[in-house]
Protein backbone atom coordinates (compact mmCIF):
# COMPACT_ATOMS: atom_id res chain seq x y z
CA MET A 1 -82.68 57.98 -35.79
CA THR A 2 -81.72 58.78 -32.10
CA THR A 3 -80.74 55.19 -31.58
CA VAL A 4 -78.68 55.04 -34.81
CA VAL A 5 -76.60 58.14 -33.64
CA LEU A 6 -75.87 56.80 -30.16
CA VAL A 7 -74.63 53.72 -31.41
CA LEU A 8 -72.37 55.47 -33.84
CA ALA A 9 -71.09 57.96 -31.13
CA ALA A 10 -70.29 54.78 -28.97
CA LEU A 11 -68.26 53.09 -31.85
CA LEU A 12 -66.57 56.32 -32.42
CA LEU A 13 -65.80 56.49 -28.79
CA LEU A 14 -64.44 53.13 -28.86
CA PHE A 15 -62.24 53.65 -31.72
CA VAL A 16 -60.82 56.75 -30.44
CA ILE A 17 -59.77 54.76 -27.02
CA LEU A 18 -58.20 51.93 -28.84
CA LEU A 19 -56.36 54.36 -31.19
CA LEU A 20 -55.01 56.01 -28.03
CA ALA A 21 -53.89 52.72 -26.70
CA LYS A 22 -52.11 51.74 -29.96
CA THR A 23 -50.54 55.03 -30.16
CA VAL A 24 -49.26 55.91 -26.63
CA ARG A 25 -46.69 53.28 -25.19
CA ILE A 26 -45.18 53.67 -21.73
CA ILE A 27 -41.80 51.72 -21.27
CA PRO A 28 -40.78 50.97 -17.61
CA GLN A 29 -37.46 52.24 -16.38
CA ALA A 30 -34.27 50.10 -17.29
CA ARG A 31 -36.29 48.58 -20.03
CA ALA A 32 -35.94 49.02 -23.88
CA GLY A 33 -38.96 48.57 -26.33
CA ILE A 34 -38.30 47.01 -29.74
CA VAL A 35 -40.63 48.52 -32.60
CA GLU A 36 -41.50 46.64 -35.65
CA ARG A 37 -43.31 47.90 -38.61
CA PHE A 38 -44.83 45.38 -40.80
CA GLY A 39 -42.60 42.71 -39.35
CA LYS A 40 -39.53 44.75 -39.57
CA TYR A 41 -37.37 46.53 -37.25
CA LYS A 42 -38.24 50.21 -36.83
CA GLN A 43 -37.03 51.52 -33.54
CA THR A 44 -36.18 51.10 -29.83
CA LEU A 45 -38.33 52.84 -27.49
CA PRO A 46 -36.53 54.32 -24.45
CA ALA A 47 -38.18 54.36 -20.91
CA GLY A 48 -41.09 56.63 -20.45
CA LEU A 49 -43.95 57.93 -22.65
CA ASN A 50 -43.65 57.19 -26.41
CA ILE A 51 -45.94 57.53 -29.43
CA VAL A 52 -46.01 55.04 -32.17
CA VAL A 53 -48.13 54.69 -35.38
CA PRO A 54 -51.21 52.67 -34.39
CA PHE A 55 -51.96 49.70 -36.42
CA ILE A 56 -48.73 50.04 -38.15
CA ASP A 57 -46.05 50.18 -35.74
CA LYS A 58 -46.17 47.23 -32.99
CA VAL A 59 -43.85 46.78 -29.83
CA ARG A 60 -42.60 43.33 -30.37
CA TYR A 61 -40.38 42.94 -27.27
CA VAL A 62 -39.49 44.64 -24.01
CA ILE A 63 -35.96 44.05 -23.15
CA ASP A 64 -34.78 44.21 -19.46
CA LEU A 65 -31.38 46.10 -19.31
CA ARG A 66 -30.66 45.48 -15.60
CA GLU A 67 -27.90 42.83 -14.66
CA GLN A 68 -29.62 39.37 -14.31
CA VAL A 69 -28.22 36.28 -12.35
CA VAL A 70 -29.03 32.97 -13.80
CA SER A 71 -28.28 29.52 -11.76
CA PHE A 72 -27.73 26.58 -14.04
CA PRO A 73 -28.48 23.19 -12.41
CA PRO A 74 -25.54 20.68 -11.62
CA GLN A 75 -23.99 18.95 -14.85
CA PRO A 76 -21.93 15.86 -14.97
CA VAL A 77 -18.51 16.52 -16.01
CA ILE A 78 -15.72 13.86 -16.66
CA THR A 79 -12.24 14.80 -15.40
CA GLU A 80 -8.77 13.90 -17.12
CA ASP A 81 -8.60 10.86 -14.71
CA ASN A 82 -12.11 9.53 -15.82
CA LEU A 83 -13.87 10.59 -12.76
CA VAL A 84 -17.63 12.06 -13.22
CA VAL A 85 -18.26 15.12 -11.00
CA SER A 86 -21.33 17.27 -10.87
CA ILE A 87 -20.72 21.02 -11.40
CA ASP A 88 -23.37 23.87 -10.98
CA THR A 89 -22.45 27.34 -12.10
CA VAL A 90 -23.98 30.76 -11.55
CA ILE A 91 -23.73 33.59 -14.12
CA TRP A 92 -24.19 37.42 -13.85
CA PHE A 93 -24.84 39.05 -17.25
CA GLN A 94 -26.36 42.19 -18.58
CA VAL A 95 -27.86 42.90 -22.03
CA THR A 96 -26.11 45.93 -23.62
CA ASP A 97 -27.50 45.99 -27.15
CA PRO A 98 -31.52 45.04 -27.07
CA ILE A 99 -31.50 44.80 -31.05
CA ALA A 100 -28.66 42.27 -30.82
CA ALA A 101 -30.24 40.39 -28.04
CA THR A 102 -33.57 40.29 -29.92
CA TYR A 103 -32.48 39.30 -33.36
CA GLU A 104 -29.11 37.56 -33.27
CA ILE A 105 -30.13 34.93 -30.76
CA ALA A 106 -33.67 33.28 -30.14
CA ASN A 107 -33.33 32.68 -26.65
CA TYR A 108 -29.97 33.94 -25.23
CA ILE A 109 -30.45 32.71 -21.46
CA GLN A 110 -30.52 29.05 -23.08
CA ALA A 111 -27.75 29.86 -25.31
CA VAL A 112 -25.55 30.81 -22.14
CA GLU A 113 -26.36 27.96 -20.51
CA GLN A 114 -25.39 25.49 -23.42
CA LEU A 115 -22.34 27.54 -23.80
CA THR A 116 -21.50 27.43 -20.10
CA MET A 117 -21.82 23.54 -20.09
CA THR A 118 -19.60 23.08 -23.21
CA THR A 119 -16.85 25.24 -22.02
CA LEU A 120 -16.85 23.81 -18.56
CA ARG A 121 -16.48 20.38 -19.96
CA ASN A 122 -13.75 21.52 -21.97
CA ILE A 123 -11.86 23.06 -19.23
CA VAL A 124 -12.34 20.46 -16.45
CA GLY A 125 -11.59 17.65 -18.88
CA GLY A 126 -7.94 18.70 -18.95
CA MET A 127 -7.60 18.71 -15.02
CA ASP A 128 -7.61 15.79 -12.57
CA LEU A 129 -9.95 15.62 -9.56
CA GLU A 130 -7.50 17.32 -7.29
CA GLN A 131 -7.00 20.16 -9.72
CA THR A 132 -10.55 20.52 -10.23
CA LEU A 133 -11.14 20.85 -6.44
CA THR A 134 -8.50 23.28 -5.94
CA SER A 135 -8.73 25.25 -9.08
CA ARG A 136 -11.85 27.14 -8.93
CA GLU A 137 -10.66 30.64 -9.63
CA GLU A 138 -8.68 29.18 -12.61
CA ILE A 139 -12.19 27.57 -13.94
CA ASN A 140 -14.08 30.87 -13.34
CA THR A 141 -11.56 32.94 -15.09
CA GLY A 142 -11.73 30.58 -18.08
CA LEU A 143 -15.42 30.28 -18.22
CA ARG A 144 -15.73 34.11 -18.25
CA GLY A 145 -13.24 34.70 -20.92
CA VAL A 146 -15.15 32.11 -23.33
CA LEU A 147 -18.61 33.44 -22.58
CA ASP A 148 -17.67 37.24 -22.78
CA GLU A 149 -16.33 36.48 -26.15
CA ALA A 150 -19.02 34.31 -27.39
CA THR A 151 -21.86 36.54 -26.18
CA GLY A 152 -20.42 39.84 -27.27
CA LYS A 153 -22.20 39.57 -30.71
CA TRP A 154 -25.41 38.94 -29.04
CA GLY A 155 -25.48 42.15 -27.23
CA ILE A 156 -24.80 40.21 -23.66
CA ARG A 157 -21.97 41.22 -21.53
CA VAL A 158 -20.95 38.45 -18.97
CA ASN A 159 -19.76 40.23 -15.89
CA ARG A 160 -18.89 37.24 -13.53
CA VAL A 161 -19.02 33.54 -13.44
CA GLU A 162 -19.20 31.59 -10.04
CA ILE A 163 -18.91 27.61 -9.52
CA LYS A 164 -21.41 26.81 -6.90
CA GLY A 165 -20.48 23.28 -6.12
CA ILE A 166 -18.34 20.41 -7.16
CA ASP A 167 -19.67 17.10 -6.24
CA PRO A 168 -17.56 13.98 -6.68
CA PRO A 169 -19.11 10.29 -6.40
CA PRO A 170 -19.75 9.16 -3.08
CA SER A 171 -17.07 6.34 -3.57
CA ILE A 172 -14.71 9.31 -4.17
CA LYS A 173 -15.86 11.17 -1.25
CA ASP A 174 -15.36 8.32 1.16
CA ALA A 175 -11.88 7.64 -0.49
CA MET A 176 -11.02 11.41 -0.02
CA GLU A 177 -12.06 11.46 3.60
CA LYS A 178 -10.01 8.45 4.45
CA GLN A 179 -7.27 10.14 2.80
CA MET A 180 -7.50 13.25 4.70
CA ARG A 181 -8.03 11.34 7.90
CA ALA A 182 -4.88 9.55 7.16
CA ASP A 183 -2.93 12.61 6.31
CA ARG A 184 -4.39 14.42 9.52
CA ASP A 185 -3.13 11.36 11.60
CA LYS A 186 0.28 11.47 9.82
CA ARG A 187 0.75 15.11 10.62
CA ALA A 188 -0.39 14.59 14.21
CA SER A 189 1.91 11.66 14.71
CA ILE A 190 4.74 13.76 13.24
CA LEU A 191 3.95 16.65 15.42
CA THR A 192 3.92 14.47 18.55
CA ALA A 193 7.28 12.65 17.79
CA GLU A 194 8.69 16.25 17.12
CA GLY A 195 7.33 17.45 20.56
CA GLN A 196 8.79 14.32 22.23
CA ARG A 197 12.16 14.88 20.48
CA GLN A 198 12.34 18.51 21.59
CA SER A 199 11.11 17.24 25.20
CA ALA A 200 14.03 14.68 25.33
CA ILE A 201 16.47 17.17 23.92
CA LEU A 202 15.54 19.79 26.43
CA THR A 203 15.45 17.24 29.38
CA ALA A 204 18.92 15.94 28.38
CA GLU A 205 20.45 19.44 28.32
CA GLY A 206 18.92 20.03 31.76
CA ASN A 207 20.24 16.85 33.25
CA LYS A 208 23.79 17.69 31.57
CA GLN A 209 23.62 21.19 33.11
CA SER A 210 22.74 19.93 36.26
CA ALA A 211 25.35 17.20 36.28
CA ILE A 212 27.98 19.84 35.52
CA LEU A 213 26.57 22.22 38.34
CA ASN A 214 26.55 19.32 40.76
CA ALA A 215 30.15 18.29 39.77
CA GLU A 216 31.42 21.88 40.01
CA GLY A 217 29.63 22.15 43.56
CA ASP A 218 31.19 18.82 44.75
CA ARG A 219 34.58 19.95 43.60
CA GLU A 220 34.22 23.35 45.22
CA SER A 221 32.89 21.37 48.32
CA GLN A 222 35.86 18.82 48.40
CA ILE A 223 38.36 21.64 48.05
CA LEU A 224 36.91 23.77 50.80
CA ARG A 225 36.53 20.68 52.98
CA ALA A 226 40.20 19.61 52.24
CA GLN A 227 41.34 23.16 53.23
CA ALA A 228 39.17 23.04 56.33
CA ASP A 229 40.63 19.62 57.34
CA ARG A 230 44.22 21.08 56.66
CA GLU A 231 43.85 23.83 58.81
CA SER A 232 42.04 22.08 61.43
CA SER A 233 45.04 19.46 61.40
CA ILE A 234 47.34 22.09 61.55
CA LEU A 235 45.48 24.10 64.39
CA ARG A 236 44.96 20.57 66.24
CA ALA A 237 48.78 19.76 65.89
CA GLN A 238 49.48 23.23 67.10
CA GLY A 239 47.05 22.95 70.14
CA GLU A 240 48.45 19.66 71.04
CA GLY A 241 51.91 20.93 71.05
CA GLN A 242 50.89 23.76 73.32
CA ALA A 243 49.10 21.14 75.46
CA ILE A 244 52.38 19.03 75.61
CA GLN A 245 54.27 22.29 76.69
CA THR A 246 51.82 23.11 79.15
CA VAL A 247 51.80 19.77 80.88
CA PHE A 248 55.39 19.56 80.76
CA GLN A 249 55.87 22.89 82.45
CA ALA A 250 53.19 21.85 84.93
CA ILE A 251 55.15 18.80 85.71
CA HIS A 252 58.35 20.89 86.32
CA ASP A 253 56.69 23.59 88.21
CA GLY A 254 54.76 20.88 90.51
CA ASN A 255 57.79 18.90 91.28
CA PRO A 256 55.53 15.45 91.65
CA ASP A 257 56.46 12.83 94.20
CA GLN A 258 55.84 9.15 94.10
CA SER A 259 52.47 9.34 96.01
CA LEU A 260 50.96 11.36 93.08
CA LEU A 261 52.22 9.11 90.55
CA ALA A 262 50.80 6.07 92.29
CA TYR A 263 47.31 7.76 92.61
CA GLN A 264 47.54 8.41 88.76
CA TYR A 265 48.09 4.69 88.23
CA LEU A 266 45.03 3.94 90.11
CA GLN A 267 42.97 6.06 88.15
CA MET A 268 44.07 4.61 85.11
CA MET A 269 42.58 1.19 86.57
CA PRO A 270 38.71 1.63 85.58
CA LYS A 271 39.77 2.67 81.99
CA ILE A 272 41.68 -0.55 81.38
CA ALA A 273 38.24 -2.26 82.39
CA GLU A 274 36.18 -0.17 80.03
CA GLY A 275 34.09 -2.29 77.23
CA GLY A 276 31.93 -5.32 77.27
CA ALA A 277 34.32 -7.32 75.34
CA ASN A 278 37.37 -6.93 77.59
CA LYS A 279 37.91 -10.44 79.16
CA LEU A 280 41.73 -10.18 79.43
CA TRP A 281 43.44 -7.50 81.55
CA ILE A 282 47.08 -6.44 81.10
CA VAL A 283 48.37 -5.26 84.55
CA PRO A 284 51.50 -3.39 84.54
CA SER A 285 54.19 -4.81 86.61
CA GLU A 286 54.63 -1.69 88.57
CA ILE A 287 51.05 -1.95 90.08
CA GLY A 288 52.44 -3.60 93.26
CA LYS A 289 54.93 -0.94 93.73
CA ALA A 290 52.32 1.85 93.13
CA LEU A 291 50.22 0.52 95.71
CA GLU A 292 52.90 -0.02 98.25
CA GLY A 293 53.97 3.60 97.50
CA LEU A 294 50.35 4.90 98.17
CA GLY A 295 50.17 3.02 101.25
CA SER A 296 53.60 4.33 102.41
CA THR A 297 55.12 7.31 101.23
CA MET A 298 58.36 6.13 102.98
CA THR A 299 58.86 3.41 100.78
CA ASP A 300 60.70 4.54 97.49
CA LEU A 301 59.55 3.54 93.99
CA ALA A 302 62.05 2.43 91.71
CA GLY A 303 62.81 5.03 89.23
CA ILE A 304 60.62 7.76 90.82
CA PRO A 305 62.57 10.32 92.76
CA GLN A 306 61.24 11.63 96.35
CA HIS A 307 62.48 15.28 95.79
CA SER A 308 63.63 17.14 93.02
CA SER A 309 67.29 18.53 93.16
CA GLY A 310 68.79 21.21 91.36
CA SER A 311 67.34 24.35 89.90
CA LYS A 312 64.00 24.45 88.12
CA THR A 313 64.03 25.18 84.27
CA ARG A 314 60.97 26.66 82.61
CA VAL A 315 60.32 25.58 79.25
CA ASP A 316 59.44 28.48 76.86
CA MET A 317 55.69 27.65 75.76
CA GLY A 318 55.77 30.07 73.11
CA SER A 319 52.95 32.28 71.75
CA THR A 320 49.57 31.43 72.96
CA GLU A 321 47.94 33.57 70.27
CA ARG A 322 46.26 31.91 67.47
CA PRO A 323 48.32 32.09 64.38
CA GLN A 324 47.35 34.05 61.34
CA LEU A 325 46.30 32.17 58.21
CA GLY A 326 47.72 33.17 54.90
CA GLY A 327 45.65 34.29 51.97
CA SER A 328 45.15 30.66 50.81
CA GLY A 329 43.91 29.53 54.13
CA ALA A 330 47.19 27.89 55.33
CA LEU A 331 49.60 29.01 58.37
CA ALA A 332 52.71 30.87 57.72
CA THR A 333 55.78 28.72 57.18
CA SER A 334 58.01 30.33 59.54
CA GLU A 335 55.50 30.16 62.65
CA LEU A 336 54.75 26.46 61.71
CA GLU A 337 58.59 25.65 61.91
CA LYS A 338 58.91 27.39 65.27
CA ALA A 339 55.95 25.51 66.75
CA ASN A 340 57.40 22.14 65.69
CA ALA A 341 60.64 22.88 66.88
CA ALA A 342 59.14 23.87 70.35
CA VAL A 343 56.95 20.54 70.32
CA GLU A 344 60.02 18.61 69.69
CA ALA A 345 61.96 20.37 72.53
CA ALA A 346 59.28 19.64 75.01
CA ILE A 347 59.07 16.02 74.21
CA ALA A 348 62.74 15.64 74.49
CA GLU A 349 62.74 17.25 77.93
CA ALA A 350 59.72 15.36 78.90
CA ALA A 351 61.66 11.87 77.83
CA GLN A 352 64.72 13.16 79.87
CA ALA A 353 62.66 13.70 83.01
CA ALA A 354 60.75 10.60 82.88
CA ASN A 355 63.94 8.42 82.25
CA PRO A 356 66.53 9.94 84.97
CA ARG A 357 68.74 7.00 84.68
CA ALA A 358 70.09 7.83 81.41
CA VAL A 359 71.21 11.32 82.74
CA GLN A 360 72.64 10.13 86.01
CA PRO A 361 76.41 10.33 86.36
CA THR A 362 78.15 6.95 87.29
CA SER A 363 78.91 7.03 91.12
CA THR A 364 82.76 6.47 92.16
CA ASP A 365 81.61 4.46 95.42
CA PRO A 366 82.20 0.81 94.84
CA SER A 367 79.34 -0.04 97.33
CA VAL A 368 76.74 1.47 95.30
CA ASP A 369 75.11 -0.22 92.41
CA PRO A 370 75.80 1.68 89.25
CA GLY A 371 72.11 1.16 88.02
CA GLU A 372 70.57 2.09 91.31
CA VAL A 373 69.80 5.66 92.35
CA PRO A 374 70.81 6.77 95.67
CA PRO A 375 67.75 7.63 98.07
CA ALA A 376 67.06 11.25 98.41
CA PRO A 377 67.57 12.61 101.94
CA PRO A 378 64.42 12.63 104.25
CA GLU A 379 62.12 15.64 103.80
CA GLU A 380 62.55 18.15 106.67
CA PRO A 381 59.29 18.97 108.56
CA PRO A 382 57.96 22.52 108.10
CA ALA A 383 58.96 24.83 110.78
CA SER A 384 56.16 25.56 113.45
């Protein structure tokens, strides 16, 4: 009897525990429980502790309400220009209606995958390879719009669609690499040619400016050199004129005799022999007379007076100051004319003094030769 009571008590305890397990259901956070009664939807259990009717109500599914990420394997897609590319996608979605996600579609993840593949082939089929590689954003937007519209009745919201990779065939990759390499080489050649062009232009501009500056510098240098030569010639001519006046005045003041002139003849002899190519000497005809006059001052040299007669006339040598230059670097016209007149007068007086026969009056004595100059009276000795 006691054993039967213990067995019954144990069975009762076991039944109570099983009843509690069937009655109390705990749903995790961000989950939703679908309850069915006799195979028909009864209610949706929220997160937390829930009480159901044991052996009548059954929690069929626990749906995850969090945003989920699903990556699909690469799928072959044919482009408009009949090239096969492999495209793999990533989808972010979230269950918004657990009842629709449970009863409207058997497997919503597989349904989303197949819908993504068909939509992707439809979008990429209208693009060529280059558009497919450069229109990722357009493809993503088209996929998201189609998926969001199709999965709305399944209680699913597609938040984002991204293309993870687009892989063209290996032959197309090689051709694209060659094309990109050729394009880079082309751009490099264009940039190099443009740089050389700019360099040549800048070099030509620099040479042009340099030539212009050199020409201007040469012109100014020639102008200044010409002005300097002009002023130098004018000053040299004026100096020569003053030198002639000084020499002529010294001749007048010194009253030279034939001994001095004979000595001057002898001083000119070494200058005649200067130069290694001088093989022929021209000796003046008066050299013998000059030597005779040097040996004996008593012998008269034809055409050279022993003593000067008459009064001495000094020649006006003009101003010895350096003439002032005008604003343009030239001498004043009036002073230049005065200097030229003084030089001409000095030259004329020197010519008259060197050729006294042209100015001697004709003698009335028939015994004297008209072309002969009478000898000067002997010089008196100085008083002791």
